[in-house]
Amino acid sequence: MKRFIVATAMLASLCVSPLVFAQSAKPVKPAEMTCSDFLAVDDAYKPALVYWVSGTDKLGVRETVTTVVDTATPVAAVIGECKQQPTATLSSKVRDLYKKGELELFKHS
């Protein structure tokens, strides 16, 4: 009987321990995201974040402007800048790259 109690206690502790050590995801708003937060995001979501942060209303884009489909180049540029300054905000990096002309997100027609 004593072995049964010990075995049950061991089994219960093994089942509960992953729940105790699991970290809850820290909610991050894209507008407030730092470069280190951006670099931690899965690569599949990075293009969407770059385009969301750039926002059509924030960079003076009009309805006659077409969005560029090539996402690899802009995202790679943002990743490169974010690796150099991980504490900077993602929105400031996207804005700086766009204003320097190093980040082409839109084709003006």
N, C-alpha and C. Protein backbone atom coordinates (compact mmCIF):
# COMPACT_ATOMS: atom_id res chain seq x y z
N MET A 1 0.81 -1.19 0.00
CA MET A 1 0.00 0.00 0.00
C MET A 1 0.87 1.26 0.00
N LYS A 2 1.99 1.17 0.74
CA LYS A 2 2.88 2.32 0.83
C LYS A 2 3.48 2.62 -0.54
N ARG A 3 3.82 1.58 -1.31
CA ARG A 3 4.38 1.77 -2.66
C ARG A 3 3.35 2.43 -3.58
N PHE A 4 2.11 2.04 -3.41
CA PHE A 4 1.05 2.62 -4.24
C PHE A 4 0.92 4.12 -3.98
N ILE A 5 0.98 4.52 -2.73
CA ILE A 5 0.87 5.94 -2.39
C ILE A 5 2.06 6.72 -2.93
N VAL A 6 3.26 6.15 -2.79
CA VAL A 6 4.47 6.81 -3.30
C VAL A 6 4.41 6.91 -4.82
N ALA A 7 3.99 5.84 -5.48
CA ALA A 7 3.89 5.85 -6.94
C ALA A 7 2.85 6.86 -7.41
N THR A 8 1.73 6.94 -6.71
CA THR A 8 0.69 7.90 -7.07
C THR A 8 1.19 9.33 -6.89
N ALA A 9 1.91 9.57 -5.81
CA ALA A 9 2.45 10.91 -5.56
C ALA A 9 3.48 11.29 -6.63
N MET A 10 4.32 10.34 -7.03
CA MET A 10 5.32 10.59 -8.08
C MET A 10 4.63 10.89 -9.40
N LEU A 11 3.63 10.10 -9.73
CA LEU A 11 2.90 10.30 -10.99
C LEU A 11 2.18 11.65 -11.00
N ALA A 12 1.60 12.01 -9.89
CA ALA A 12 0.89 13.30 -9.81
C ALA A 12 1.87 14.46 -9.95
N SER A 13 3.05 14.34 -9.34
CA SER A 13 4.03 15.42 -9.44
C SER A 13 4.57 15.56 -10.86
N LEU A 14 4.71 14.45 -11.57
CA LEU A 14 5.16 14.50 -12.96
C LEU A 14 4.11 15.12 -13.87
N CYS A 15 2.86 14.88 -13.57
CA CYS A 15 1.78 15.44 -14.40
C CYS A 15 1.59 16.93 -14.16
N VAL A 16 1.81 17.39 -12.95
CA VAL A 16 1.56 18.77 -12.60
C VAL A 16 2.77 19.66 -12.88
N SER A 17 3.98 19.12 -12.83
CA SER A 17 5.18 19.95 -12.96
C SER A 17 5.28 20.72 -14.27
N PRO A 18 4.89 20.18 -15.43
CA PRO A 18 4.96 21.00 -16.64
C PRO A 18 4.03 22.21 -16.59
N LEU A 19 2.91 22.08 -15.89
CA LEU A 19 1.98 23.20 -15.77
C LEU A 19 2.56 24.30 -14.89
N VAL A 20 3.33 23.90 -13.89
CA VAL A 20 3.92 24.88 -12.99
C VAL A 20 5.02 25.66 -13.69
N PHE A 21 5.83 24.96 -14.49
CA PHE A 21 6.98 25.59 -15.14
C PHE A 21 6.64 26.27 -16.46
N ALA A 22 5.46 26.07 -16.96
CA ALA A 22 5.08 26.70 -18.23
C ALA A 22 4.96 28.21 -18.04
N GLN A 23 5.57 28.95 -18.96
CA GLN A 23 5.51 30.40 -18.88
C GLN A 23 4.36 30.90 -19.74
N SER A 24 3.65 31.82 -19.20
CA SER A 24 2.57 32.39 -20.00
C SER A 24 3.17 33.37 -21.00
N ALA A 25 2.59 33.43 -22.17
CA ALA A 25 3.09 34.31 -23.22
C ALA A 25 2.87 35.76 -22.82
N LYS A 26 3.91 36.55 -23.02
CA LYS A 26 3.82 37.96 -22.71
C LYS A 26 3.13 38.68 -23.86
N PRO A 27 1.99 39.30 -23.62
CA PRO A 27 1.30 39.98 -24.73
C PRO A 27 2.09 41.21 -25.16
N VAL A 28 2.31 41.33 -26.46
CA VAL A 28 3.05 42.46 -27.01
C VAL A 28 2.22 43.07 -28.12
N LYS A 29 2.04 44.37 -28.06
CA LYS A 29 1.33 45.08 -29.13
C LYS A 29 2.34 45.42 -30.21
N PRO A 30 2.03 45.18 -31.47
CA PRO A 30 2.99 45.48 -32.54
C PRO A 30 3.47 46.93 -32.54
N ALA A 31 2.63 47.86 -32.18
CA ALA A 31 3.02 49.27 -32.17
C ALA A 31 4.07 49.56 -31.10
N GLU A 32 4.10 48.76 -30.05
CA GLU A 32 5.04 48.96 -28.95
C GLU A 32 6.17 47.94 -28.95
N MET A 33 6.26 47.13 -29.98
CA MET A 33 7.21 46.04 -30.04
C MET A 33 8.65 46.56 -30.20
N THR A 34 9.57 45.98 -29.43
CA THR A 34 10.97 46.32 -29.60
C THR A 34 11.58 45.40 -30.65
N CYS A 35 12.78 45.74 -31.06
CA CYS A 35 13.45 44.92 -32.06
C CYS A 35 13.73 43.51 -31.53
N SER A 36 14.04 43.39 -30.25
CA SER A 36 14.29 42.06 -29.69
C SER A 36 13.01 41.23 -29.69
N ASP A 37 11.86 41.87 -29.45
CA ASP A 37 10.57 41.16 -29.55
C ASP A 37 10.33 40.71 -30.98
N PHE A 38 10.63 41.58 -31.94
CA PHE A 38 10.44 41.26 -33.36
C PHE A 38 11.32 40.09 -33.78
N LEU A 39 12.57 40.08 -33.33
CA LEU A 39 13.49 39.00 -33.69
C LEU A 39 13.06 37.67 -33.09
N ALA A 40 12.32 37.69 -31.99
CA ALA A 40 11.85 36.46 -31.34
C ALA A 40 10.63 35.87 -32.02
N VAL A 41 9.97 36.64 -32.87
CA VAL A 41 8.77 36.18 -33.57
C VAL A 41 9.16 35.19 -34.66
N ASP A 42 8.29 34.21 -34.92
CA ASP A 42 8.52 33.24 -35.99
C ASP A 42 8.64 33.97 -37.33
N ASP A 43 9.54 33.47 -38.19
CA ASP A 43 9.80 34.11 -39.48
C ASP A 43 8.56 34.24 -40.36
N ALA A 44 7.61 33.36 -40.19
CA ALA A 44 6.40 33.40 -41.02
C ALA A 44 5.57 34.65 -40.73
N TYR A 45 5.69 35.22 -39.54
CA TYR A 45 4.88 36.37 -39.15
C TYR A 45 5.59 37.71 -39.34
N LYS A 46 6.90 37.69 -39.57
CA LYS A 46 7.67 38.93 -39.67
C LYS A 46 7.22 39.84 -40.82
N PRO A 47 6.95 39.31 -42.04
CA PRO A 47 6.47 40.22 -43.10
C PRO A 47 5.18 40.94 -42.73
N ALA A 48 4.26 40.23 -42.10
CA ALA A 48 3.00 40.87 -41.71
C ALA A 48 3.24 41.97 -40.68
N LEU A 49 4.16 41.75 -39.76
CA LEU A 49 4.46 42.77 -38.76
C LEU A 49 5.09 44.00 -39.39
N VAL A 50 6.04 43.78 -40.32
CA VAL A 50 6.69 44.92 -40.98
C VAL A 50 5.66 45.76 -41.72
N TYR A 51 4.79 45.11 -42.48
CA TYR A 51 3.79 45.85 -43.23
C TYR A 51 2.75 46.48 -42.31
N TRP A 52 2.41 45.84 -41.21
CA TRP A 52 1.45 46.42 -40.28
C TRP A 52 2.04 47.66 -39.62
N VAL A 53 3.31 47.56 -39.20
CA VAL A 53 3.95 48.69 -38.53
C VAL A 53 4.11 49.86 -39.50
N SER A 54 4.41 49.56 -40.76
CA SER A 54 4.58 50.65 -41.73
C SER A 54 3.27 51.39 -41.93
N GLY A 55 2.18 50.66 -41.97
CA GLY A 55 0.84 51.24 -42.04
C GLY A 55 0.65 52.28 -43.14
N THR A 56 -0.39 52.16 -43.88
CA THR A 56 -0.60 53.08 -44.99
C THR A 56 -0.86 54.50 -44.51
N ASP A 57 -1.44 54.67 -43.36
CA ASP A 57 -1.71 56.03 -42.88
C ASP A 57 -0.48 56.67 -42.26
N LYS A 58 0.48 55.89 -41.81
CA LYS A 58 1.63 56.43 -41.11
C LYS A 58 2.72 56.96 -42.05
N LEU A 59 2.85 56.39 -43.23
CA LEU A 59 3.94 56.78 -44.13
C LEU A 59 3.45 57.64 -45.29
N GLY A 60 2.28 58.17 -45.21
CA GLY A 60 1.78 59.05 -46.25
C GLY A 60 1.43 58.34 -47.54
N VAL A 61 1.01 57.10 -47.45
CA VAL A 61 0.66 56.32 -48.63
C VAL A 61 -0.77 56.64 -49.02
N ARG A 62 -1.00 56.82 -50.31
CA ARG A 62 -2.33 57.15 -50.80
C ARG A 62 -2.96 55.93 -51.47
N GLU A 63 -4.19 56.09 -51.91
CA GLU A 63 -4.90 54.98 -52.55
C GLU A 63 -4.31 54.59 -53.89
N THR A 64 -3.56 55.49 -54.53
CA THR A 64 -2.97 55.20 -55.84
C THR A 64 -1.67 54.43 -55.73
N VAL A 65 -1.25 54.15 -54.54
CA VAL A 65 0.01 53.46 -54.32
C VAL A 65 -0.23 51.96 -54.22
N THR A 66 0.65 51.20 -54.86
CA THR A 66 0.52 49.75 -54.83
C THR A 66 1.54 49.16 -53.87
N THR A 67 1.12 48.20 -53.08
CA THR A 67 2.04 47.54 -52.16
C THR A 67 2.94 46.58 -52.93
N VAL A 68 4.22 46.59 -52.61
CA VAL A 68 5.18 45.70 -53.24
C VAL A 68 4.97 44.30 -52.69
N VAL A 69 5.00 43.31 -53.56
CA VAL A 69 4.75 41.94 -53.12
C VAL A 69 6.00 41.30 -52.53
N ASP A 70 7.18 41.76 -52.93
CA ASP A 70 8.44 41.20 -52.44
C ASP A 70 8.60 41.54 -50.96
N THR A 71 8.46 40.55 -50.10
CA THR A 71 8.58 40.81 -48.67
C THR A 71 9.95 40.43 -48.13
N ALA A 72 10.71 39.63 -48.85
CA ALA A 72 11.99 39.16 -48.33
C ALA A 72 12.98 40.30 -48.13
N THR A 73 13.07 41.21 -49.09
CA THR A 73 14.04 42.29 -49.00
C THR A 73 13.73 43.25 -47.86
N PRO A 74 12.50 43.78 -47.75
CA PRO A 74 12.22 44.69 -46.63
C PRO A 74 12.38 44.03 -45.27
N VAL A 75 11.95 42.81 -45.14
CA VAL A 75 12.04 42.12 -43.85
C VAL A 75 13.50 41.87 -43.49
N ALA A 76 14.32 41.49 -44.47
CA ALA A 76 15.75 41.26 -44.22
C ALA A 76 16.43 42.55 -43.78
N ALA A 77 16.05 43.68 -44.37
CA ALA A 77 16.62 44.97 -43.97
C ALA A 77 16.25 45.31 -42.54
N VAL A 78 15.01 45.07 -42.17
CA VAL A 78 14.56 45.36 -40.81
C VAL A 78 15.25 44.43 -39.82
N ILE A 79 15.38 43.16 -40.17
CA ILE A 79 16.07 42.21 -39.29
C ILE A 79 17.51 42.64 -39.06
N GLY A 80 18.19 43.05 -40.14
CA GLY A 80 19.58 43.52 -40.02
C GLY A 80 19.70 44.70 -39.08
N GLU A 81 18.81 45.67 -39.21
CA GLU A 81 18.83 46.84 -38.34
C GLU A 81 18.49 46.47 -36.90
N CYS A 82 17.54 45.57 -36.73
CA CYS A 82 17.13 45.18 -35.38
C CYS A 82 18.22 44.39 -34.66
N LYS A 83 19.01 43.64 -35.40
CA LYS A 83 20.12 42.91 -34.77
C LYS A 83 21.17 43.87 -34.24
N GLN A 84 21.32 45.03 -34.90
CA GLN A 84 22.30 46.02 -34.45
C GLN A 84 21.82 46.78 -33.22
N GLN A 85 20.53 47.04 -33.14
CA GLN A 85 19.97 47.78 -32.00
C GLN A 85 18.71 47.08 -31.48
N PRO A 86 18.88 46.02 -30.69
CA PRO A 86 17.71 45.25 -30.23
C PRO A 86 16.80 46.00 -29.26
N THR A 87 17.26 47.07 -28.65
CA THR A 87 16.41 47.80 -27.71
C THR A 87 15.55 48.87 -28.39
N ALA A 88 15.83 49.17 -29.64
CA ALA A 88 15.04 50.18 -30.37
C ALA A 88 13.65 49.62 -30.67
N THR A 89 12.70 50.51 -30.90
CA THR A 89 11.36 50.04 -31.24
C THR A 89 11.31 49.66 -32.71
N LEU A 90 10.50 48.68 -33.01
CA LEU A 90 10.36 48.20 -34.39
C LEU A 90 9.82 49.31 -35.28
N SER A 91 8.85 50.06 -34.79
CA SER A 91 8.26 51.11 -35.61
C SER A 91 9.27 52.19 -35.97
N SER A 92 10.17 52.53 -35.06
CA SER A 92 11.19 53.54 -35.37
C SER A 92 12.16 53.03 -36.43
N LYS A 93 12.51 51.76 -36.37
CA LYS A 93 13.42 51.18 -37.37
C LYS A 93 12.78 51.15 -38.74
N VAL A 94 11.51 50.74 -38.82
CA VAL A 94 10.82 50.70 -40.11
C VAL A 94 10.71 52.10 -40.68
N ARG A 95 10.35 53.05 -39.85
CA ARG A 95 10.21 54.44 -40.30
C ARG A 95 11.56 55.00 -40.78
N ASP A 96 12.63 54.76 -40.02
CA ASP A 96 13.96 55.26 -40.41
C ASP A 96 14.41 54.67 -41.74
N LEU A 97 14.25 53.37 -41.90
CA LEU A 97 14.64 52.71 -43.15
C LEU A 97 13.82 53.23 -44.33
N TYR A 98 12.55 53.46 -44.11
CA TYR A 98 11.69 53.95 -45.18
C TYR A 98 12.08 55.38 -45.59
N LYS A 99 12.34 56.22 -44.60
CA LYS A 99 12.70 57.61 -44.90
C LYS A 99 14.07 57.72 -45.57
N LYS A 100 14.99 56.81 -45.27
CA LYS A 100 16.30 56.80 -45.91
C LYS A 100 16.23 56.26 -47.33
N GLY A 101 15.13 55.64 -47.68
CA GLY A 101 15.00 55.05 -49.00
C GLY A 101 15.58 53.65 -49.09
N GLU A 102 15.94 53.08 -47.96
CA GLU A 102 16.52 51.73 -47.93
C GLU A 102 15.45 50.65 -47.84
N LEU A 103 14.23 51.06 -47.63
CA LEU A 103 13.14 50.11 -47.47
C LEU A 103 12.02 50.51 -48.42
N GLU A 104 11.82 49.71 -49.46
CA GLU A 104 10.78 50.03 -50.43
C GLU A 104 9.60 49.10 -50.21
N LEU A 105 8.59 49.64 -49.57
CA LEU A 105 7.39 48.86 -49.29
C LEU A 105 6.30 49.13 -50.31
N PHE A 106 6.37 50.28 -50.94
CA PHE A 106 5.29 50.70 -51.83
C PHE A 106 5.87 51.25 -53.13
N LYS A 107 5.18 51.02 -54.22
CA LYS A 107 5.53 51.60 -55.52
C LYS A 107 4.57 52.74 -55.78
N HIS A 108 5.11 53.91 -55.99
CA HIS A 108 4.26 55.07 -56.26
C HIS A 108 3.97 55.15 -57.75
N SER A 109 2.67 55.15 -58.11
CA SER A 109 2.31 55.20 -59.51
C SER A 109 1.86 56.57 -59.92
